[in-house]
Amino acid sequence: MWLREHNGNTIDMAESTIWWLLAGAAVVVELTTGTFYLLMLAIGLAAAALSAQFGAGTIAQLLIAAVVGGGAVVSWYFVRSQRAATSSASANPNVNLDIGETVTVESWNPDGTATVKYRGANWTVMHRPGSTPASGPHRVAEVIGSRLLVDKI
């Protein structure tokens, strides 16, 4: 590859430099768009740059970029699909710090709700559908609006 300077002279640009520039551009685009898969493709471009530095031919560089980048994308896809489905924010303890906390239910109302004192305020709690309401300690499983969904401990 070559680039023409302003004075008419030509300069050679190493193939690895072009691959490194493409990898950097992919990272920049990923940072602006938030598309994590572009980072996986950037890994493939970096692998092609390394292969160019070690003297691989153009076809080999293209194949390495495709195999490593494509393999990284497919691998990441399968890793993400194997993870448990993320719970909603109302049931995610990383988002809602009330999840997992303990409350004490003195008595249940006929409609399946109860009022408990929690964090200095009165909260309405509901038991999980299908479970029989019982008094005593309960663990907060989910926050639904201003209500706590609880499980008996």
N, C-alpha and C. Protein backbone atom coordinates (compact mmCIF):
# COMPACT_ATOMS: atom_id res chain seq x y z
N MET A 1 0.84 -1.18 0.00
CA MET A 1 0.00 0.00 0.00
C MET A 1 0.88 1.24 0.00
N TRP A 2 0.41 2.27 -0.60
CA TRP A 2 1.17 3.51 -0.62
C TRP A 2 0.22 4.68 -0.55
N LEU A 3 0.73 5.77 -0.04
CA LEU A 3 0.00 7.02 0.02
C LEU A 3 0.82 8.09 -0.66
N ARG A 4 0.20 9.03 -1.31
CA ARG A 4 0.91 10.08 -2.01
C ARG A 4 0.99 11.31 -1.11
N GLU A 5 2.20 11.85 -0.95
CA GLU A 5 2.40 13.06 -0.17
C GLU A 5 2.10 14.27 -1.05
N HIS A 6 2.12 15.47 -0.46
CA HIS A 6 1.81 16.69 -1.18
C HIS A 6 2.84 17.01 -2.27
N ASN A 7 4.08 16.65 -2.06
CA ASN A 7 5.11 17.00 -3.04
C ASN A 7 5.25 15.97 -4.15
N GLY A 8 4.36 14.99 -4.22
CA GLY A 8 4.40 14.03 -5.30
C GLY A 8 5.16 12.76 -4.98
N ASN A 9 5.91 12.73 -3.87
CA ASN A 9 6.63 11.52 -3.51
C ASN A 9 5.65 10.51 -2.93
N THR A 10 5.99 9.24 -3.06
CA THR A 10 5.14 8.21 -2.48
C THR A 10 5.84 7.63 -1.27
N ILE A 11 5.04 7.22 -0.33
CA ILE A 11 5.57 6.57 0.85
C ILE A 11 4.85 5.24 1.02
N ASP A 12 5.55 4.27 1.55
CA ASP A 12 4.93 2.98 1.82
C ASP A 12 4.34 3.00 3.22
N MET A 13 3.15 2.43 3.32
CA MET A 13 2.53 2.26 4.63
C MET A 13 2.42 0.76 4.85
N ALA A 14 2.96 0.30 5.93
CA ALA A 14 2.93 -1.13 6.22
C ALA A 14 1.48 -1.61 6.35
N GLU A 15 1.24 -2.85 5.90
CA GLU A 15 -0.11 -3.40 6.00
C GLU A 15 -0.57 -3.48 7.45
N SER A 16 0.38 -3.76 8.34
CA SER A 16 -0.01 -3.86 9.76
C SER A 16 -0.53 -2.52 10.27
N THR A 17 0.02 -1.42 9.79
CA THR A 17 -0.44 -0.10 10.20
C THR A 17 -1.89 0.12 9.80
N ILE A 18 -2.23 -0.32 8.61
CA ILE A 18 -3.62 -0.18 8.14
C ILE A 18 -4.55 -1.00 9.02
N TRP A 19 -4.14 -2.23 9.34
CA TRP A 19 -4.96 -3.06 10.21
C TRP A 19 -5.13 -2.41 11.59
N TRP A 20 -4.03 -1.85 12.13
CA TRP A 20 -4.12 -1.20 13.44
C TRP A 20 -5.05 0.01 13.38
N LEU A 21 -5.00 0.76 12.29
CA LEU A 21 -5.90 1.91 12.13
C LEU A 21 -7.35 1.46 12.05
N LEU A 22 -7.60 0.37 11.33
CA LEU A 22 -8.97 -0.16 11.24
C LEU A 22 -9.45 -0.65 12.60
N ALA A 23 -8.56 -1.31 13.36
CA ALA A 23 -8.94 -1.78 14.70
C ALA A 23 -9.26 -0.59 15.61
N GLY A 24 -8.44 0.45 15.54
CA GLY A 24 -8.70 1.65 16.33
C GLY A 24 -10.00 2.32 15.95
N ALA A 25 -10.28 2.37 14.64
CA ALA A 25 -11.53 2.96 14.18
C ALA A 25 -12.73 2.16 14.69
N ALA A 26 -12.61 0.83 14.69
CA ALA A 26 -13.70 0.00 15.19
C ALA A 26 -13.94 0.26 16.68
N VAL A 27 -12.87 0.45 17.44
CA VAL A 27 -13.02 0.75 18.87
C VAL A 27 -13.68 2.11 19.06
N VAL A 28 -13.28 3.10 18.27
CA VAL A 28 -13.88 4.43 18.38
C VAL A 28 -15.37 4.38 18.05
N VAL A 29 -15.73 3.66 16.99
CA VAL A 29 -17.14 3.56 16.61
C VAL A 29 -17.91 2.83 17.72
N GLU A 30 -17.29 1.80 18.31
CA GLU A 30 -17.95 1.09 19.39
C GLU A 30 -18.19 2.01 20.58
N LEU A 31 -17.21 2.84 20.90
CA LEU A 31 -17.37 3.76 22.03
C LEU A 31 -18.47 4.78 21.79
N THR A 32 -18.67 5.17 20.55
CA THR A 32 -19.72 6.15 20.26
C THR A 32 -21.10 5.52 20.13
N THR A 33 -21.16 4.24 19.75
CA THR A 33 -22.46 3.60 19.54
C THR A 33 -22.84 2.63 20.65
N GLY A 34 -21.87 2.12 21.39
CA GLY A 34 -22.16 1.16 22.44
C GLY A 34 -22.41 -0.25 21.94
N THR A 35 -22.02 -0.55 20.71
CA THR A 35 -22.20 -1.88 20.14
C THR A 35 -21.01 -2.74 20.51
N PHE A 36 -21.18 -3.60 21.52
CA PHE A 36 -20.07 -4.38 22.05
C PHE A 36 -19.47 -5.32 21.00
N TYR A 37 -20.27 -5.75 20.04
CA TYR A 37 -19.78 -6.68 19.03
C TYR A 37 -18.68 -6.05 18.18
N LEU A 38 -18.65 -4.74 18.06
CA LEU A 38 -17.56 -4.09 17.32
C LEU A 38 -16.22 -4.32 18.00
N LEU A 39 -16.21 -4.46 19.31
CA LEU A 39 -14.96 -4.78 20.00
C LEU A 39 -14.47 -6.17 19.61
N MET A 40 -15.40 -7.09 19.42
CA MET A 40 -15.02 -8.43 18.99
C MET A 40 -14.42 -8.39 17.58
N LEU A 41 -14.99 -7.57 16.72
CA LEU A 41 -14.43 -7.42 15.37
C LEU A 41 -13.08 -6.73 15.43
N ALA A 42 -12.91 -5.80 16.36
CA ALA A 42 -11.62 -5.13 16.53
C ALA A 42 -10.54 -6.13 16.95
N ILE A 43 -10.91 -7.15 17.69
CA ILE A 43 -9.96 -8.20 18.05
C ILE A 43 -9.49 -8.91 16.79
N GLY A 44 -10.40 -9.17 15.87
CA GLY A 44 -10.03 -9.80 14.61
C GLY A 44 -9.11 -8.91 13.79
N LEU A 45 -9.38 -7.62 13.78
CA LEU A 45 -8.53 -6.67 13.05
C LEU A 45 -7.15 -6.59 13.68
N ALA A 46 -7.09 -6.64 14.99
CA ALA A 46 -5.79 -6.63 15.67
C ALA A 46 -5.02 -7.92 15.39
N ALA A 47 -5.72 -9.04 15.31
CA ALA A 47 -5.06 -10.30 14.96
C ALA A 47 -4.48 -10.23 13.56
N ALA A 48 -5.20 -9.60 12.64
CA ALA A 48 -4.69 -9.43 11.28
C ALA A 48 -3.47 -8.52 11.27
N ALA A 49 -3.46 -7.50 12.11
CA ALA A 49 -2.31 -6.61 12.20
C ALA A 49 -1.09 -7.36 12.70
N LEU A 50 -1.29 -8.20 13.70
CA LEU A 50 -0.18 -9.00 14.21
C LEU A 50 0.33 -9.98 13.15
N SER A 51 -0.60 -10.59 12.41
CA SER A 51 -0.16 -11.52 11.37
C SER A 51 0.60 -10.78 10.27
N ALA A 52 0.21 -9.53 9.98
CA ALA A 52 0.94 -8.73 8.99
C ALA A 52 2.34 -8.41 9.49
N GLN A 53 2.46 -8.13 10.77
CA GLN A 53 3.78 -7.84 11.33
C GLN A 53 4.68 -9.07 11.30
N PHE A 54 4.10 -10.26 11.36
CA PHE A 54 4.88 -11.48 11.30
C PHE A 54 5.09 -11.97 9.87
N GLY A 55 4.63 -11.19 8.89
CA GLY A 55 4.93 -11.49 7.50
C GLY A 55 3.90 -12.32 6.75
N ALA A 56 2.71 -12.48 7.27
CA ALA A 56 1.69 -13.24 6.57
C ALA A 56 1.23 -12.47 5.33
N GLY A 57 0.78 -13.19 4.32
CA GLY A 57 0.30 -12.57 3.09
C GLY A 57 -1.07 -11.92 3.29
N THR A 58 -1.48 -11.18 2.29
CA THR A 58 -2.74 -10.44 2.38
C THR A 58 -3.93 -11.37 2.55
N ILE A 59 -3.96 -12.46 1.79
CA ILE A 59 -5.08 -13.41 1.90
C ILE A 59 -5.11 -14.01 3.31
N ALA A 60 -3.95 -14.37 3.83
CA ALA A 60 -3.89 -14.93 5.19
C ALA A 60 -4.35 -13.90 6.21
N GLN A 61 -3.99 -12.65 6.04
CA GLN A 61 -4.42 -11.60 6.95
C GLN A 61 -5.94 -11.45 6.93
N LEU A 62 -6.52 -11.46 5.75
CA LEU A 62 -7.98 -11.36 5.63
C LEU A 62 -8.67 -12.55 6.30
N LEU A 63 -8.13 -13.74 6.07
CA LEU A 63 -8.72 -14.94 6.68
C LEU A 63 -8.60 -14.89 8.20
N ILE A 64 -7.45 -14.45 8.70
CA ILE A 64 -7.26 -14.35 10.15
C ILE A 64 -8.22 -13.34 10.74
N ALA A 65 -8.37 -12.18 10.08
CA ALA A 65 -9.31 -11.17 10.57
C ALA A 65 -10.73 -11.72 10.61
N ALA A 66 -11.12 -12.45 9.56
CA ALA A 66 -12.47 -12.98 9.49
C ALA A 66 -12.70 -14.08 10.53
N VAL A 67 -11.74 -14.99 10.64
CA VAL A 67 -11.92 -16.12 11.55
C VAL A 67 -11.87 -15.65 13.01
N VAL A 68 -10.89 -14.83 13.36
CA VAL A 68 -10.77 -14.39 14.76
C VAL A 68 -11.92 -13.44 15.12
N GLY A 69 -12.19 -12.46 14.27
CA GLY A 69 -13.27 -11.52 14.56
C GLY A 69 -14.63 -12.19 14.56
N GLY A 70 -14.89 -13.01 13.55
CA GLY A 70 -16.16 -13.73 13.49
C GLY A 70 -16.30 -14.72 14.63
N GLY A 71 -15.20 -15.40 14.95
CA GLY A 71 -15.22 -16.35 16.07
C GLY A 71 -15.49 -15.66 17.39
N ALA A 72 -14.90 -14.47 17.57
CA ALA A 72 -15.14 -13.72 18.81
C ALA A 72 -16.60 -13.28 18.90
N VAL A 73 -17.17 -12.85 17.79
CA VAL A 73 -18.59 -12.44 17.79
C VAL A 73 -19.48 -13.63 18.12
N VAL A 74 -19.25 -14.77 17.47
CA VAL A 74 -20.07 -15.96 17.72
C VAL A 74 -19.89 -16.44 19.16
N SER A 75 -18.65 -16.44 19.65
CA SER A 75 -18.40 -16.86 21.02
C SER A 75 -19.13 -15.97 22.01
N TRP A 76 -19.03 -14.65 21.80
CA TRP A 76 -19.71 -13.72 22.71
C TRP A 76 -21.22 -13.91 22.66
N TYR A 77 -21.77 -14.17 21.48
CA TYR A 77 -23.20 -14.41 21.33
C TYR A 77 -23.63 -15.61 22.17
N PHE A 78 -22.85 -16.71 22.08
CA PHE A 78 -23.21 -17.91 22.84
C PHE A 78 -23.01 -17.71 24.34
N VAL A 79 -22.00 -16.96 24.74
CA VAL A 79 -21.81 -16.68 26.16
C VAL A 79 -23.00 -15.90 26.70
N ARG A 80 -23.44 -14.91 25.96
CA ARG A 80 -24.58 -14.10 26.39
C ARG A 80 -25.87 -14.91 26.41
N SER A 81 -26.04 -15.81 25.43
CA SER A 81 -27.28 -16.59 25.39
C SER A 81 -27.31 -17.67 26.47
N GLN A 82 -26.16 -18.12 26.97
CA GLN A 82 -26.12 -19.14 28.00
C GLN A 82 -26.37 -18.57 29.39
N ARG A 83 -26.16 -17.28 29.56
CA ARG A 83 -26.42 -16.66 30.86
C ARG A 83 -27.90 -16.70 31.15
N ALA A 84 -28.21 -16.75 32.43
CA ALA A 84 -29.62 -16.72 32.83
C ALA A 84 -30.23 -15.40 32.38
N ALA A 85 -31.48 -15.47 32.02
CA ALA A 85 -32.16 -14.25 31.59
C ALA A 85 -32.11 -13.23 32.73
N THR A 86 -31.76 -12.02 32.39
CA THR A 86 -31.67 -11.00 33.43
C THR A 86 -33.07 -10.66 33.92
N SER A 87 -33.18 -10.52 35.20
CA SER A 87 -34.47 -10.19 35.78
C SER A 87 -34.75 -8.71 35.59
N SER A 88 -36.02 -8.36 35.74
CA SER A 88 -36.39 -6.96 35.61
C SER A 88 -35.79 -6.17 36.76
N ALA A 89 -35.76 -4.88 36.60
CA ALA A 89 -35.18 -4.02 37.63
C ALA A 89 -35.91 -4.17 38.95
N SER A 90 -37.20 -4.48 38.91
CA SER A 90 -37.97 -4.60 40.15
C SER A 90 -37.59 -5.84 40.95
N ALA A 91 -36.94 -6.82 40.31
CA ALA A 91 -36.53 -8.04 41.02
C ALA A 91 -35.02 -8.23 41.01
N ASN A 92 -34.27 -7.24 40.54
CA ASN A 92 -32.82 -7.36 40.42
C ASN A 92 -32.16 -6.72 41.65
N PRO A 93 -31.46 -7.51 42.47
CA PRO A 93 -30.84 -6.94 43.68
C PRO A 93 -29.70 -5.98 43.38
N ASN A 94 -29.16 -6.01 42.16
CA ASN A 94 -28.11 -5.06 41.79
C ASN A 94 -28.70 -3.69 41.50
N VAL A 95 -29.98 -3.64 41.20
CA VAL A 95 -30.65 -2.37 40.89
C VAL A 95 -31.44 -1.88 42.09
N ASN A 96 -32.14 -2.79 42.75
CA ASN A 96 -33.02 -2.43 43.84
C ASN A 96 -32.48 -3.06 45.13
N LEU A 97 -31.98 -2.25 46.02
CA LEU A 97 -31.34 -2.74 47.23
C LEU A 97 -32.32 -3.32 48.25
N ASP A 98 -33.62 -3.17 48.03
CA ASP A 98 -34.61 -3.75 48.93
C ASP A 98 -34.75 -5.26 48.72
N ILE A 99 -34.37 -5.76 47.56
CA ILE A 99 -34.50 -7.19 47.27
C ILE A 99 -33.60 -7.97 48.23
N GLY A 100 -34.20 -8.97 48.87
CA GLY A 100 -33.44 -9.79 49.81
C GLY A 100 -33.55 -9.34 51.26
N GLU A 101 -34.09 -8.16 51.49
CA GLU A 101 -34.25 -7.67 52.86
C GLU A 101 -35.39 -8.42 53.55
N THR A 102 -35.41 -8.38 54.86
CA THR A 102 -36.40 -9.11 55.64
C THR A 102 -37.40 -8.15 56.27
N VAL A 103 -38.68 -8.53 56.20
CA VAL A 103 -39.75 -7.80 56.87
C VAL A 103 -40.56 -8.80 57.69
N THR A 104 -41.23 -8.30 58.71
CA THR A 104 -42.05 -9.18 59.54
C THR A 104 -43.52 -8.82 59.33
N VAL A 105 -44.29 -9.82 58.92
CA VAL A 105 -45.72 -9.64 58.70
C VAL A 105 -46.45 -10.14 59.94
N GLU A 106 -47.20 -9.24 60.58
CA GLU A 106 -47.96 -9.61 61.78
C GLU A 106 -49.23 -10.35 61.42
N SER A 107 -49.98 -9.81 60.44
CA SER A 107 -51.23 -10.46 60.02
C SER A 107 -51.54 -10.03 58.58
N TRP A 108 -52.27 -10.90 57.90
CA TRP A 108 -52.65 -10.65 56.50
C TRP A 108 -54.09 -10.20 56.42
N ASN A 109 -54.37 -9.31 55.48
CA ASN A 109 -55.74 -8.87 55.21
C ASN A 109 -56.43 -9.91 54.32
N PRO A 110 -57.77 -9.90 54.30
CA PRO A 110 -58.49 -10.87 53.46
C PRO A 110 -58.15 -10.75 51.96
N ASP A 111 -57.73 -9.56 51.53
CA ASP A 111 -57.42 -9.39 50.11
C ASP A 111 -56.01 -9.86 49.74
N GLY A 112 -55.28 -10.46 50.69
CA GLY A 112 -53.95 -10.99 50.42
C GLY A 112 -52.83 -9.99 50.57
N THR A 113 -53.12 -8.86 51.19
CA THR A 113 -52.09 -7.86 51.44
C THR A 113 -51.89 -7.70 52.94
N ALA A 114 -50.81 -7.05 53.28
CA ALA A 114 -50.54 -6.73 54.69
C ALA A 114 -49.78 -5.42 54.71
N THR A 115 -49.77 -4.78 55.87
CA THR A 115 -49.01 -3.56 56.04
C THR A 115 -47.88 -3.84 57.02
N VAL A 116 -46.65 -3.45 56.62
CA VAL A 116 -45.49 -3.67 57.49
C VAL A 116 -44.74 -2.36 57.62
N LYS A 117 -44.00 -2.25 58.70
CA LYS A 117 -43.13 -1.09 58.91
C LYS A 117 -41.76 -1.49 58.35
N TYR A 118 -41.30 -0.73 57.35
CA TYR A 118 -40.02 -1.04 56.71
C TYR A 118 -39.36 0.28 56.33
N ARG A 119 -38.11 0.45 56.71
CA ARG A 119 -37.33 1.66 56.46
C ARG A 119 -38.05 2.91 56.97
N GLY A 120 -38.69 2.79 58.10
CA GLY A 120 -39.32 3.94 58.73
C GLY A 120 -40.65 4.35 58.14
N ALA A 121 -41.21 3.52 57.27
CA ALA A 121 -42.49 3.87 56.65
C ALA A 121 -43.36 2.61 56.58
N ASN A 122 -44.65 2.83 56.41
CA ASN A 122 -45.57 1.72 56.21
C ASN A 122 -45.57 1.32 54.74
N TRP A 123 -45.42 0.03 54.49
CA TRP A 123 -45.42 -0.52 53.14
C TRP A 123 -46.53 -1.56 53.03
N THR A 124 -47.09 -1.67 51.86
CA THR A 124 -48.03 -2.74 51.58
C THR A 124 -47.25 -3.90 51.01
N VAL A 125 -47.47 -5.10 51.57
CA VAL A 125 -46.80 -6.28 51.06
C VAL A 125 -47.83 -7.24 50.49
N MET A 126 -47.40 -8.01 49.52
CA MET A 126 -48.23 -9.04 48.90
C MET A 126 -47.43 -10.34 48.95
N HIS A 127 -48.12 -11.43 49.13
CA HIS A 127 -47.44 -12.72 49.07
C HIS A 127 -47.41 -13.18 47.61
N ARG A 128 -46.49 -14.07 47.30
CA ARG A 128 -46.37 -14.58 45.94
C ARG A 128 -47.63 -15.38 45.59
N PRO A 129 -48.18 -15.18 44.39
CA PRO A 129 -49.39 -15.93 44.00
C PRO A 129 -49.16 -17.44 44.13
N GLY A 130 -50.14 -18.11 44.66
CA GLY A 130 -50.05 -19.56 44.82
C GLY A 130 -49.54 -19.98 46.19
N SER A 131 -49.03 -19.04 46.97
CA SER A 131 -48.55 -19.40 48.31
C SER A 131 -49.59 -18.96 49.34
N THR A 132 -49.62 -19.67 50.43
CA THR A 132 -50.58 -19.37 51.50
C THR A 132 -49.98 -18.30 52.42
N PRO A 133 -50.73 -17.23 52.68
CA PRO A 133 -50.20 -16.20 53.57
C PRO A 133 -50.03 -16.72 54.99
N ALA A 134 -48.87 -16.42 55.57
CA ALA A 134 -48.59 -16.81 56.95
C ALA A 134 -47.84 -15.66 57.60
N SER A 135 -48.10 -15.46 58.88
CA SER A 135 -47.40 -14.38 59.59
C SER A 135 -45.98 -14.81 59.90
N GLY A 136 -45.14 -13.83 60.21
CA GLY A 136 -43.75 -14.10 60.54
C GLY A 136 -42.80 -13.41 59.57
N PRO A 137 -41.53 -13.82 59.59
CA PRO A 137 -40.54 -13.15 58.74
C PRO A 137 -40.70 -13.54 57.27
N HIS A 138 -40.52 -12.54 56.41
CA HIS A 138 -40.60 -12.73 54.96
C HIS A 138 -39.41 -12.02 54.30
N ARG A 139 -39.02 -12.53 53.17
CA ARG A 139 -37.94 -11.91 52.40
C ARG A 139 -38.54 -11.18 51.20
N VAL A 140 -38.07 -9.96 50.94
CA VAL A 140 -38.55 -9.17 49.81
C VAL A 140 -37.99 -9.79 48.53
N ALA A 141 -38.89 -10.19 47.62
CA ALA A 141 -38.49 -10.81 46.36
C ALA A 141 -38.55 -9.81 45.21
N GLU A 142 -39.44 -8.82 45.32
CA GLU A 142 -39.62 -7.88 44.22
C GLU A 142 -40.32 -6.63 44.75
N VAL A 143 -40.00 -5.50 44.14
CA VAL A 143 -40.68 -4.25 44.47
C VAL A 143 -41.53 -3.88 43.26
N ILE A 144 -42.84 -3.81 43.47
CA ILE A 144 -43.77 -3.50 42.38
C ILE A 144 -44.43 -2.17 42.74
N GLY A 145 -43.95 -1.11 42.16
CA GLY A 145 -44.46 0.22 42.50
C GLY A 145 -44.13 0.53 43.95
N SER A 146 -45.19 0.70 44.76
CA SER A 146 -44.99 0.97 46.19
C SER A 146 -45.33 -0.24 47.03
N ARG A 147 -45.38 -1.41 46.40
CA ARG A 147 -45.70 -2.66 47.11
C ARG A 147 -44.50 -3.59 47.08
N LEU A 148 -44.38 -4.39 48.13
CA LEU A 148 -43.32 -5.39 48.21
C LEU A 148 -43.93 -6.77 48.01
N LEU A 149 -43.37 -7.53 47.09
CA LEU A 149 -43.75 -8.92 46.90
C LEU A 149 -42.80 -9.74 47.77
N VAL A 150 -43.36 -10.55 48.68
CA VAL A 150 -42.52 -11.24 49.67
C VAL A 150 -42.72 -12.74 49.60
N ASP A 151 -41.67 -13.45 50.06
CA ASP A 151 -41.70 -14.91 50.21
C ASP A 151 -41.49 -15.23 51.68
N LYS A 152 -42.21 -16.23 52.17
CA LYS A 152 -42.05 -16.66 53.57
C LYS A 152 -40.68 -17.27 53.75
N ILE A 153 -40.04 -16.92 54.87
CA ILE A 153 -38.73 -17.49 55.19
C ILE A 153 -38.91 -18.75 56.00
